[in-house]
């Protein structure tokens, strides 16, 4: 979940611990307000990702946030 005080260009991507891109979840303009994104555990071509630790990176305007997350099957 994330909130935007104003309309902004947003990118949200999932990376493995090696820094390789696993999936782009958002890469477009997003209106102000509260938003929720659910990753279905698949990569860019639709294959299931392995269980383990991943990093998500959320960028909105000049603000950037990265956090760890755990994918369990």
Protein backbone atom coordinates (compact mmCIF):
# COMPACT_ATOMS: atom_id res chain seq x y z
CA UNK A 1 0.00 0.00 0.00
CA UNK A 2 1.11 3.53 -0.65
CA UNK A 3 -0.38 7.00 -0.70
CA UNK A 4 0.28 9.93 -3.01
CA UNK A 5 -0.50 13.53 -2.03
CA UNK A 6 -0.62 14.53 -5.73
CA UNK A 7 -0.68 12.90 -9.16
CA UNK A 8 2.78 11.57 -9.96
CA UNK A 9 4.85 9.27 -12.19
CA UNK A 10 5.26 6.03 -10.23
CA UNK A 11 7.48 3.01 -10.77
CA UNK A 12 7.22 -0.11 -8.64
CA UNK A 13 9.54 -3.00 -9.39
CA UNK A 14 10.53 -6.29 -7.75
CA UNK A 15 14.19 -7.42 -7.75
CA UNK A 16 15.93 -10.56 -6.56
CA UNK A 17 18.82 -10.33 -4.09
CA UNK A 18 21.30 -10.25 -7.01
CA UNK A 19 19.70 -7.00 -8.16
CA UNK A 20 18.09 -8.51 -11.25
CA UNK A 21 14.67 -7.23 -12.22
CA UNK A 22 11.99 -9.85 -11.61
CA UNK A 23 8.83 -7.86 -12.41
CA UNK A 24 7.69 -4.30 -13.13
CA UNK A 25 4.39 -3.79 -11.36
CA UNK A 26 3.77 -0.09 -12.11
CA UNK A 27 5.43 2.26 -14.59
CA UNK A 28 2.99 5.08 -15.34
CA UNK A 29 1.21 8.13 -14.00
CA UNK A 30 -0.85 7.43 -10.88
CA UNK A 31 -3.50 9.76 -9.42
CA UNK A 32 -3.35 11.13 -5.89
CA UNK A 33 -4.78 8.96 -3.12
CA UNK A 34 -4.28 5.57 -1.52
CA UNK A 35 -3.26 2.63 -3.70
CA UNK A 36 -2.70 -1.08 -3.15
CA UNK A 37 -0.64 -3.36 -5.39
CA UNK A 38 -0.50 -7.15 -5.11
CA UNK A 39 2.35 -9.10 -6.71
CA UNK A 40 1.18 -12.52 -7.85
CA UNK A 41 4.66 -14.04 -7.49
CA UNK A 42 5.39 -14.23 -11.21
CA UNK A 43 8.17 -12.74 -13.31
CA UNK A 44 7.87 -10.63 -16.47
CA UNK A 45 7.07 -13.64 -18.69
CA UNK A 46 4.55 -15.19 -16.29
CA UNK A 47 6.73 -17.90 -14.76
CA UNK A 48 6.41 -18.42 -11.00
CA UNK A 49 9.26 -16.93 -8.97
CA UNK A 50 11.05 -19.11 -6.44
CA UNK A 51 10.26 -18.77 -2.74
CA UNK A 52 12.67 -16.44 -1.02
CA UNK A 53 13.55 -12.84 -0.23
CA UNK A 54 12.94 -10.09 -2.78
CA UNK A 55 13.36 -6.33 -2.79
CA UNK A 56 10.69 -3.94 -4.00
CA UNK A 57 11.56 -0.42 -5.09
CA UNK A 58 8.86 2.26 -5.17
CA UNK A 59 9.68 5.58 -6.84
CA UNK A 60 7.21 8.47 -6.95
CA UNK A 61 8.63 11.73 -8.25
CA UNK A 62 11.90 12.25 -6.35
CA UNK A 63 10.94 9.97 -3.42
CA UNK A 64 12.36 6.43 -3.47
CA UNK A 65 11.69 3.61 -1.01
CA UNK A 66 13.12 0.08 -1.03
CA UNK A 67 12.10 -2.73 1.29
CA UNK A 68 12.58 -6.48 1.63
CA UNK A 69 9.71 -8.91 1.28
CA UNK A 70 9.38 -12.65 1.59
CA UNK A 71 7.63 -14.79 -1.03
CA UNK A 72 6.30 -18.07 0.34
CA UNK A 73 4.55 -20.71 -1.73
